[in-house]
């Protein structure tokens, strides 16, 4: 199995089964990426907010590790979520292992939830965590924009969806 392959893939966070993670995978903590995972298009959905609340109420420890220095502090404070308050340097495993120690959990007891196969999935797999990929449309949008820009330089003006 490739280190870029997640254990599970979902369209949105609220599709994840907390019962399965806790009972079948022995997961005791969740670490989330922020941009594109918890926050999509500068908003946090009600279903994501409810999922985090349910996870915490079920006894799971919840944290955020992000490469973005601008994390929504309101959400973190309101939900009492710990985070790394600086550029985390994912996909290096050190920030993930540091967070595992801070959560007082072994890496294999943590599911990392992210939307980037390199920084999130590769990083969490290297750290020995259970990786969950959120396959949303934000990556497709940026990839199409980047591709379209390079094609325009070659004289191709449109990409059909």
N, C-alpha and C. Protein backbone atom coordinates (compact mmCIF):
# COMPACT_ATOMS: atom_id res chain seq x y z
N UNK A 1 0.84 -1.19 0.00
CA UNK A 1 0.00 0.00 0.00
C UNK A 1 0.89 1.25 0.00
N UNK A 2 0.53 2.21 -0.80
CA UNK A 2 1.27 3.46 -0.90
C UNK A 2 1.06 4.30 0.36
N UNK A 3 2.07 5.05 0.71
CA UNK A 3 1.93 5.96 1.86
C UNK A 3 0.98 7.12 1.57
N UNK A 4 0.59 7.25 0.31
CA UNK A 4 -0.37 8.30 -0.08
C UNK A 4 -1.81 7.78 -0.06
N UNK A 5 -1.98 6.50 0.29
CA UNK A 5 -3.30 5.88 0.31
C UNK A 5 -3.89 5.95 1.71
N UNK A 6 -5.07 6.57 1.85
CA UNK A 6 -5.70 6.66 3.17
C UNK A 6 -6.38 5.34 3.54
N UNK A 7 -6.65 5.16 4.81
CA UNK A 7 -7.40 4.00 5.28
C UNK A 7 -8.88 4.13 4.89
N UNK A 8 -9.39 5.37 4.89
CA UNK A 8 -10.77 5.63 4.53
C UNK A 8 -10.85 6.93 3.74
N UNK A 9 -11.89 7.04 2.90
CA UNK A 9 -12.14 8.25 2.13
C UNK A 9 -13.61 8.61 2.22
N UNK A 10 -13.90 9.89 2.44
CA UNK A 10 -15.27 10.38 2.53
C UNK A 10 -15.39 11.69 1.79
N UNK A 11 -16.61 12.06 1.47
CA UNK A 11 -16.89 13.35 0.85
C UNK A 11 -16.92 14.47 1.87
N UNK A 12 -17.43 14.16 3.08
CA UNK A 12 -17.50 15.18 4.12
C UNK A 12 -17.26 14.53 5.47
N UNK A 13 -16.85 15.33 6.42
CA UNK A 13 -16.49 14.85 7.75
C UNK A 13 -17.65 14.13 8.42
N UNK A 14 -18.85 14.65 8.27
CA UNK A 14 -20.00 14.07 8.96
C UNK A 14 -20.34 12.66 8.48
N UNK A 15 -19.74 12.19 7.41
CA UNK A 15 -19.95 10.82 6.94
C UNK A 15 -19.12 9.79 7.71
N UNK A 16 -18.14 10.26 8.45
CA UNK A 16 -17.26 9.36 9.22
C UNK A 16 -18.05 8.71 10.35
N UNK A 17 -17.85 7.42 10.56
CA UNK A 17 -18.52 6.70 11.65
C UNK A 17 -17.65 6.72 12.91
N UNK A 18 -18.07 7.49 13.88
CA UNK A 18 -17.34 7.54 15.15
C UNK A 18 -17.40 6.19 15.86
N UNK A 19 -18.52 5.54 15.78
CA UNK A 19 -18.69 4.23 16.42
C UNK A 19 -17.68 3.22 15.84
N UNK A 20 -17.54 3.20 14.51
CA UNK A 20 -16.58 2.30 13.87
C UNK A 20 -15.15 2.63 14.30
N UNK A 21 -14.80 3.91 14.28
CA UNK A 21 -13.44 4.30 14.67
C UNK A 21 -13.13 3.87 16.11
N UNK A 22 -14.06 4.14 17.01
CA UNK A 22 -13.83 3.83 18.42
C UNK A 22 -13.84 2.32 18.69
N UNK A 23 -14.85 1.64 18.18
CA UNK A 23 -15.03 0.23 18.53
C UNK A 23 -14.20 -0.73 17.70
N UNK A 24 -14.07 -0.48 16.41
CA UNK A 24 -13.36 -1.42 15.54
C UNK A 24 -11.90 -1.06 15.30
N UNK A 25 -11.57 0.21 15.40
CA UNK A 25 -10.19 0.65 15.11
C UNK A 25 -9.44 1.09 16.35
N UNK A 26 -10.10 1.09 17.51
CA UNK A 26 -9.47 1.49 18.78
C UNK A 26 -8.94 2.93 18.74
N UNK A 27 -9.67 3.81 18.06
CA UNK A 27 -9.28 5.21 17.96
C UNK A 27 -9.76 5.95 19.21
N UNK A 28 -8.86 6.74 19.79
CA UNK A 28 -9.18 7.50 21.00
C UNK A 28 -9.06 9.02 20.79
N UNK A 29 -8.55 9.40 19.62
CA UNK A 29 -8.38 10.82 19.32
C UNK A 29 -8.46 11.10 17.84
N UNK A 30 -8.88 12.31 17.53
CA UNK A 30 -8.96 12.78 16.14
C UNK A 30 -8.11 14.04 16.01
N UNK A 31 -7.29 14.07 14.97
CA UNK A 31 -6.58 15.30 14.62
C UNK A 31 -7.09 15.71 13.24
N UNK A 32 -7.47 16.97 13.12
CA UNK A 32 -7.98 17.50 11.86
C UNK A 32 -7.01 18.49 11.25
N UNK A 33 -6.93 18.47 9.93
CA UNK A 33 -6.36 19.58 9.19
C UNK A 33 -7.43 20.67 9.24
N UNK A 34 -7.05 21.91 8.99
CA UNK A 34 -8.05 23.00 9.08
C UNK A 34 -8.60 23.39 7.72
N UNK A 35 -7.79 24.04 6.88
CA UNK A 35 -8.28 24.55 5.60
C UNK A 35 -8.59 23.41 4.63
N UNK A 36 -9.80 23.45 4.09
CA UNK A 36 -10.23 22.43 3.14
C UNK A 36 -10.76 21.17 3.81
N UNK A 37 -10.58 21.08 5.13
CA UNK A 37 -11.09 19.93 5.88
C UNK A 37 -12.16 20.41 6.84
N UNK A 38 -11.77 21.09 7.92
CA UNK A 38 -12.77 21.66 8.83
C UNK A 38 -13.43 22.88 8.21
N UNK A 39 -12.61 23.71 7.61
CA UNK A 39 -13.10 24.96 7.01
C UNK A 39 -13.05 24.81 5.50
N UNK A 40 -14.18 24.99 4.85
CA UNK A 40 -14.25 24.90 3.40
C UNK A 40 -14.81 26.20 2.86
N UNK A 41 -14.07 26.84 1.99
CA UNK A 41 -14.47 28.14 1.43
C UNK A 41 -14.73 29.15 2.54
N UNK A 42 -13.86 29.18 3.52
CA UNK A 42 -13.87 30.12 4.64
C UNK A 42 -15.06 29.96 5.57
N UNK A 43 -15.72 28.80 5.53
CA UNK A 43 -16.86 28.55 6.41
C UNK A 43 -16.74 27.17 7.03
N UNK A 44 -17.26 27.02 8.22
CA UNK A 44 -17.35 25.72 8.88
C UNK A 44 -18.82 25.35 8.90
N UNK A 45 -19.14 24.21 8.29
CA UNK A 45 -20.54 23.82 8.18
C UNK A 45 -21.11 23.39 9.52
N UNK A 46 -22.42 23.48 9.61
CA UNK A 46 -23.10 23.06 10.83
C UNK A 46 -22.88 21.56 11.07
N UNK A 47 -22.87 20.76 10.00
CA UNK A 47 -22.67 19.31 10.17
C UNK A 47 -21.26 19.01 10.69
N UNK A 48 -20.27 19.78 10.27
CA UNK A 48 -18.90 19.60 10.77
C UNK A 48 -18.84 19.99 12.24
N UNK A 49 -19.45 21.11 12.59
CA UNK A 49 -19.49 21.57 13.97
C UNK A 49 -20.16 20.51 14.85
N UNK A 50 -21.28 19.96 14.40
CA UNK A 50 -22.00 18.93 15.15
C UNK A 50 -21.18 17.65 15.27
N UNK A 51 -20.45 17.30 14.21
CA UNK A 51 -19.60 16.10 14.25
C UNK A 51 -18.52 16.24 15.33
N UNK A 52 -17.88 17.39 15.38
CA UNK A 52 -16.84 17.62 16.39
C UNK A 52 -17.44 17.56 17.79
N UNK A 53 -18.59 18.17 17.95
CA UNK A 53 -19.28 18.15 19.25
C UNK A 53 -19.60 16.70 19.65
N UNK A 54 -20.10 15.91 18.71
CA UNK A 54 -20.43 14.51 18.97
C UNK A 54 -19.17 13.70 19.31
N UNK A 55 -18.08 13.96 18.59
CA UNK A 55 -16.82 13.26 18.84
C UNK A 55 -16.33 13.53 20.26
N UNK A 56 -16.37 14.78 20.66
CA UNK A 56 -15.93 15.15 22.01
C UNK A 56 -16.85 14.54 23.07
N UNK A 57 -18.15 14.57 22.83
CA UNK A 57 -19.10 13.99 23.78
C UNK A 57 -18.94 12.48 23.91
N UNK A 58 -18.45 11.84 22.84
CA UNK A 58 -18.25 10.39 22.87
C UNK A 58 -16.96 10.00 23.59
N UNK A 59 -16.18 11.01 24.01
CA UNK A 59 -14.96 10.74 24.75
C UNK A 59 -13.68 10.82 23.93
N UNK A 60 -13.80 11.11 22.63
CA UNK A 60 -12.61 11.25 21.80
C UNK A 60 -11.92 12.58 22.09
N UNK A 61 -10.60 12.57 22.08
CA UNK A 61 -9.84 13.81 22.17
C UNK A 61 -9.75 14.39 20.76
N UNK A 62 -9.84 15.71 20.65
CA UNK A 62 -9.86 16.37 19.34
C UNK A 62 -8.80 17.46 19.30
N UNK A 63 -8.07 17.51 18.17
CA UNK A 63 -7.03 18.52 17.99
C UNK A 63 -6.98 18.96 16.53
N UNK A 64 -6.28 20.05 16.28
CA UNK A 64 -6.06 20.57 14.93
C UNK A 64 -4.57 20.75 14.72
N UNK A 65 -4.08 20.24 13.58
CA UNK A 65 -2.70 20.48 13.15
C UNK A 65 -2.80 20.97 11.71
N UNK A 66 -2.37 22.21 11.48
CA UNK A 66 -2.52 22.81 10.17
C UNK A 66 -1.25 23.52 9.75
N UNK A 67 -1.01 23.56 8.45
CA UNK A 67 0.10 24.34 7.92
C UNK A 67 -0.27 25.81 7.77
N UNK A 68 -1.54 26.13 7.95
CA UNK A 68 -2.00 27.51 7.84
C UNK A 68 -1.79 28.22 9.18
N UNK A 69 -1.20 29.40 9.14
CA UNK A 69 -1.00 30.14 10.39
C UNK A 69 -2.26 30.87 10.82
N UNK A 70 -3.26 30.96 9.95
CA UNK A 70 -4.52 31.64 10.25
C UNK A 70 -5.61 30.61 10.49
N UNK A 71 -5.71 30.13 11.72
CA UNK A 71 -6.73 29.16 12.09
C UNK A 71 -7.83 29.90 12.84
N UNK A 72 -9.06 29.48 12.65
CA UNK A 72 -10.21 30.12 13.29
C UNK A 72 -10.16 29.89 14.79
N UNK A 73 -9.62 30.86 15.52
CA UNK A 73 -9.48 30.74 16.97
C UNK A 73 -10.82 30.66 17.68
N UNK A 74 -11.86 31.26 17.11
CA UNK A 74 -13.19 31.22 17.72
C UNK A 74 -13.67 29.77 17.86
N UNK A 75 -13.55 29.01 16.78
CA UNK A 75 -13.97 27.61 16.82
C UNK A 75 -13.14 26.82 17.83
N UNK A 76 -11.84 27.04 17.82
CA UNK A 76 -10.97 26.29 18.73
C UNK A 76 -11.31 26.60 20.19
N UNK A 77 -11.53 27.87 20.49
CA UNK A 77 -11.89 28.25 21.87
C UNK A 77 -13.29 27.75 22.25
N UNK A 78 -14.23 27.94 21.36
CA UNK A 78 -15.62 27.57 21.64
C UNK A 78 -15.75 26.07 21.90
N UNK A 79 -14.99 25.28 21.16
CA UNK A 79 -15.09 23.82 21.30
C UNK A 79 -13.97 23.22 22.13
N UNK A 80 -13.11 24.07 22.69
CA UNK A 80 -12.00 23.61 23.52
C UNK A 80 -11.14 22.57 22.78
N UNK A 81 -10.65 22.96 21.61
CA UNK A 81 -9.82 22.10 20.77
C UNK A 81 -8.38 22.60 20.85
N UNK A 82 -7.45 21.69 21.10
CA UNK A 82 -6.05 22.08 21.12
C UNK A 82 -5.51 22.11 19.70
N UNK A 83 -4.49 22.94 19.48
CA UNK A 83 -3.91 23.04 18.14
C UNK A 83 -2.46 23.45 18.24
N UNK A 84 -1.79 23.31 17.11
CA UNK A 84 -0.45 23.87 16.95
C UNK A 84 -0.67 25.25 16.36
N UNK A 85 -0.25 26.27 17.06
CA UNK A 85 -0.56 27.66 16.68
C UNK A 85 0.45 28.26 15.72
N UNK A 86 1.07 27.44 14.91
CA UNK A 86 2.05 27.96 13.96
C UNK A 86 2.07 27.07 12.73
N UNK A 87 2.86 27.41 11.79
CA UNK A 87 3.02 26.59 10.59
C UNK A 87 3.53 25.22 11.02
N UNK A 88 2.73 24.17 10.83
CA UNK A 88 3.02 22.85 11.40
C UNK A 88 4.10 22.06 10.66
N UNK A 89 4.39 22.41 9.45
CA UNK A 89 5.40 21.72 8.64
C UNK A 89 5.00 20.29 8.27
N UNK A 90 3.70 20.05 8.06
CA UNK A 90 3.29 18.76 7.52
C UNK A 90 3.84 18.69 6.10
N UNK A 91 4.31 17.60 5.59
CA UNK A 91 4.09 16.21 5.98
C UNK A 91 5.14 15.64 6.94
N UNK A 92 6.00 16.48 7.52
CA UNK A 92 6.92 15.94 8.52
C UNK A 92 6.11 15.33 9.65
N UNK A 93 6.56 14.20 10.15
CA UNK A 93 5.78 13.51 11.17
C UNK A 93 5.97 14.11 12.56
N UNK A 94 7.01 14.90 12.78
CA UNK A 94 7.28 15.45 14.11
C UNK A 94 6.10 16.24 14.68
N UNK A 95 5.48 17.16 13.93
CA UNK A 95 4.36 17.90 14.53
C UNK A 95 3.18 16.99 14.89
N UNK A 96 2.98 15.93 14.11
CA UNK A 96 1.90 14.99 14.41
C UNK A 96 2.23 14.17 15.65
N UNK A 97 3.48 13.74 15.77
CA UNK A 97 3.89 12.98 16.95
C UNK A 97 3.89 13.88 18.20
N UNK A 98 4.27 15.14 18.03
CA UNK A 98 4.21 16.09 19.14
C UNK A 98 2.77 16.26 19.63
N UNK A 99 1.82 16.34 18.69
CA UNK A 99 0.42 16.48 19.08
C UNK A 99 -0.08 15.20 19.75
N UNK A 100 0.36 14.05 19.28
CA UNK A 100 -0.03 12.78 19.91
C UNK A 100 0.43 12.77 21.37
N UNK A 101 1.67 13.21 21.61
CA UNK A 101 2.18 13.28 22.99
C UNK A 101 1.36 14.27 23.82
N UNK A 102 1.03 15.39 23.22
CA UNK A 102 0.24 16.41 23.91
C UNK A 102 -1.15 15.86 24.25
N UNK A 103 -1.69 15.00 23.38
CA UNK A 103 -3.00 14.38 23.62
C UNK A 103 -2.89 13.18 24.57
N UNK A 104 -1.65 12.78 24.88
CA UNK A 104 -1.36 11.62 25.73
C UNK A 104 -1.92 10.33 25.11
N UNK A 105 -1.70 10.21 23.78
CA UNK A 105 -2.13 9.03 23.03
C UNK A 105 -0.99 8.51 22.17
N UNK A 106 -1.04 7.23 21.86
CA UNK A 106 -0.09 6.65 20.91
C UNK A 106 -0.56 7.00 19.50
N UNK A 107 0.36 7.15 18.54
CA UNK A 107 -0.04 7.51 17.17
C UNK A 107 -1.11 6.57 16.59
N UNK A 108 -1.00 5.28 16.87
CA UNK A 108 -1.97 4.32 16.32
C UNK A 108 -3.36 4.44 16.94
N UNK A 109 -3.50 5.26 17.99
CA UNK A 109 -4.80 5.51 18.61
C UNK A 109 -5.47 6.77 18.05
N UNK A 110 -4.82 7.38 17.06
CA UNK A 110 -5.30 8.66 16.51
C UNK A 110 -5.66 8.49 15.04
N UNK A 111 -6.81 9.05 14.66
CA UNK A 111 -7.19 9.17 13.25
C UNK A 111 -6.92 10.60 12.82
N UNK A 112 -6.15 10.76 11.76
CA UNK A 112 -5.89 12.08 11.20
C UNK A 112 -6.83 12.29 10.02
N UNK A 113 -7.56 13.40 10.02
CA UNK A 113 -8.54 13.69 8.98
C UNK A 113 -8.06 14.90 8.18
N UNK A 114 -7.85 14.70 6.88
CA UNK A 114 -7.36 15.80 6.05
C UNK A 114 -7.77 15.68 4.60
N UNK A 115 -7.57 16.75 3.85
CA UNK A 115 -7.99 16.79 2.45
C UNK A 115 -6.84 16.83 1.45
N UNK A 116 -5.61 16.65 1.92
CA UNK A 116 -4.46 16.71 1.02
C UNK A 116 -3.68 15.41 1.13
N UNK A 117 -3.53 14.71 0.02
CA UNK A 117 -2.86 13.40 0.05
C UNK A 117 -1.38 13.52 0.43
N UNK A 118 -0.75 14.63 0.12
CA UNK A 118 0.67 14.77 0.46
C UNK A 118 0.85 15.20 1.91
N UNK A 119 0.37 16.37 2.25
CA UNK A 119 0.64 16.88 3.60
C UNK A 119 -0.11 16.10 4.67
N UNK A 120 -1.35 15.72 4.41
CA UNK A 120 -2.18 15.09 5.44
C UNK A 120 -2.07 13.55 5.44
N UNK A 121 -2.34 12.93 4.32
CA UNK A 121 -2.36 11.47 4.28
C UNK A 121 -0.95 10.90 4.37
N UNK A 122 -0.05 11.39 3.54
CA UNK A 122 1.34 10.93 3.59
C UNK A 122 1.95 11.18 4.96
N UNK A 123 1.74 12.37 5.50
CA UNK A 123 2.28 12.72 6.81
C UNK A 123 1.74 11.84 7.92
N UNK A 124 0.42 11.64 7.94
CA UNK A 124 -0.17 10.83 9.02
C UNK A 124 0.17 9.35 8.88
N UNK A 125 0.27 8.85 7.66
CA UNK A 125 0.68 7.46 7.46
C UNK A 125 2.11 7.25 7.95
N UNK A 126 2.99 8.20 7.65
CA UNK A 126 4.38 8.11 8.12
C UNK A 126 4.46 8.13 9.64
N UNK A 127 3.53 8.87 10.27
CA UNK A 127 3.53 8.98 11.73
C UNK A 127 2.86 7.78 12.40
N UNK A 128 2.30 6.87 11.60
CA UNK A 128 1.67 5.68 12.16
C UNK A 128 0.24 5.89 12.61
N UNK A 129 -0.41 6.93 12.07
CA UNK A 129 -1.79 7.23 12.44
C UNK A 129 -2.76 6.63 11.42
N UNK A 130 -4.00 6.54 11.80
CA UNK A 130 -5.08 6.07 10.93
C UNK A 130 -5.50 7.25 10.07
N UNK A 131 -5.31 7.16 8.77
CA UNK A 131 -5.54 8.31 7.89
C UNK A 131 -6.92 8.28 7.24
N UNK A 132 -7.59 9.43 7.28
CA UNK A 132 -8.90 9.59 6.66
C UNK A 132 -8.83 10.78 5.71
N UNK A 133 -9.15 10.51 4.46
CA UNK A 133 -9.08 11.53 3.41
C UNK A 133 -10.48 12.10 3.15
N UNK A 134 -10.59 13.40 3.20
CA UNK A 134 -11.83 14.09 2.86
C UNK A 134 -11.68 14.59 1.43
N UNK A 135 -12.40 13.94 0.53
CA UNK A 135 -12.29 14.22 -0.90
C UNK A 135 -13.35 15.25 -1.27
N UNK A 136 -12.99 16.51 -1.11
CA UNK A 136 -13.94 17.57 -1.43
C UNK A 136 -13.56 18.22 -2.75
N UNK A 137 -14.35 19.18 -3.16
CA UNK A 137 -14.14 19.80 -4.47
C UNK A 137 -13.11 20.90 -4.47
N UNK A 138 -12.60 21.29 -3.30
CA UNK A 138 -11.65 22.41 -3.26
C UNK A 138 -10.35 22.06 -4.00
N UNK A 139 -9.85 20.83 -3.84
CA UNK A 139 -8.62 20.44 -4.55
C UNK A 139 -8.84 20.45 -6.05
N UNK A 140 -10.01 19.97 -6.50
CA UNK A 140 -10.31 19.95 -7.93
C UNK A 140 -10.36 21.35 -8.51
N UNK A 141 -10.93 22.29 -7.75
CA UNK A 141 -11.02 23.67 -8.20
C UNK A 141 -9.63 24.27 -8.40
N UNK A 142 -8.75 24.13 -7.41
CA UNK A 142 -7.41 24.70 -7.51
C UNK A 142 -6.59 24.00 -8.59
N UNK A 143 -6.75 22.69 -8.72
CA UNK A 143 -6.02 21.95 -9.75
C UNK A 143 -6.46 22.42 -11.14
N UNK A 144 -7.79 22.59 -11.35
CA UNK A 144 -8.30 23.06 -12.63
C UNK A 144 -7.77 24.46 -12.94
N UNK A 145 -7.76 25.34 -11.92
CA UNK A 145 -7.26 26.70 -12.13
C UNK A 145 -5.79 26.71 -12.51
N UNK A 146 -4.99 25.92 -11.80
CA UNK A 146 -3.56 25.85 -12.08
C UNK A 146 -3.32 25.27 -13.47
N UNK A 147 -4.04 24.19 -13.79
CA UNK A 147 -3.89 23.56 -15.09
C UNK A 147 -4.32 24.50 -16.20
N UNK A 148 -5.45 25.17 -16.01
CA UNK A 148 -5.95 26.09 -17.03
C UNK A 148 -4.93 27.19 -17.28
N UNK A 149 -4.32 27.73 -16.22
CA UNK A 149 -3.32 28.78 -16.39
C UNK A 149 -2.14 28.32 -17.23
N UNK A 150 -1.65 27.11 -16.98
CA UNK A 150 -0.50 26.62 -17.74
C UNK A 150 -0.91 26.28 -19.18
N UNK A 151 -2.16 25.85 -19.39
CA UNK A 151 -2.61 25.56 -20.75
C UNK A 151 -2.80 26.84 -21.55
N UNK A 152 -3.27 27.89 -20.87
CA UNK A 152 -3.45 29.17 -21.57
C UNK A 152 -2.13 29.69 -22.11
N UNK A 153 -1.06 29.42 -21.39
CA UNK A 153 0.27 29.82 -21.85
C UNK A 153 0.63 29.09 -23.15
N UNK A 154 0.03 27.91 -23.35
CA UNK A 154 0.29 27.11 -24.56
C UNK A 154 -0.75 27.38 -25.64
N UNK A 155 -1.66 28.33 -25.39
CA UNK A 155 -2.64 28.69 -26.42
C UNK A 155 -3.97 27.97 -26.29
N UNK A 156 -4.17 27.17 -25.26
CA UNK A 156 -5.45 26.47 -25.05
C UNK A 156 -6.24 27.32 -24.06
N UNK A 157 -7.44 27.72 -24.46
CA UNK A 157 -8.18 28.70 -23.68
C UNK A 157 -9.26 28.13 -22.76
N UNK A 158 -9.66 26.88 -22.90
CA UNK A 158 -10.77 26.37 -22.11
C UNK A 158 -10.59 24.90 -21.76
N UNK A 159 -11.01 24.57 -20.52
CA UNK A 159 -11.06 23.17 -20.08
C UNK A 159 -12.52 22.85 -19.82
N UNK A 160 -13.05 21.84 -20.47
CA UNK A 160 -14.43 21.44 -20.21
C UNK A 160 -14.49 20.59 -18.96
N UNK A 161 -15.55 20.80 -18.14
CA UNK A 161 -15.75 20.00 -16.92
C UNK A 161 -16.35 18.66 -17.24
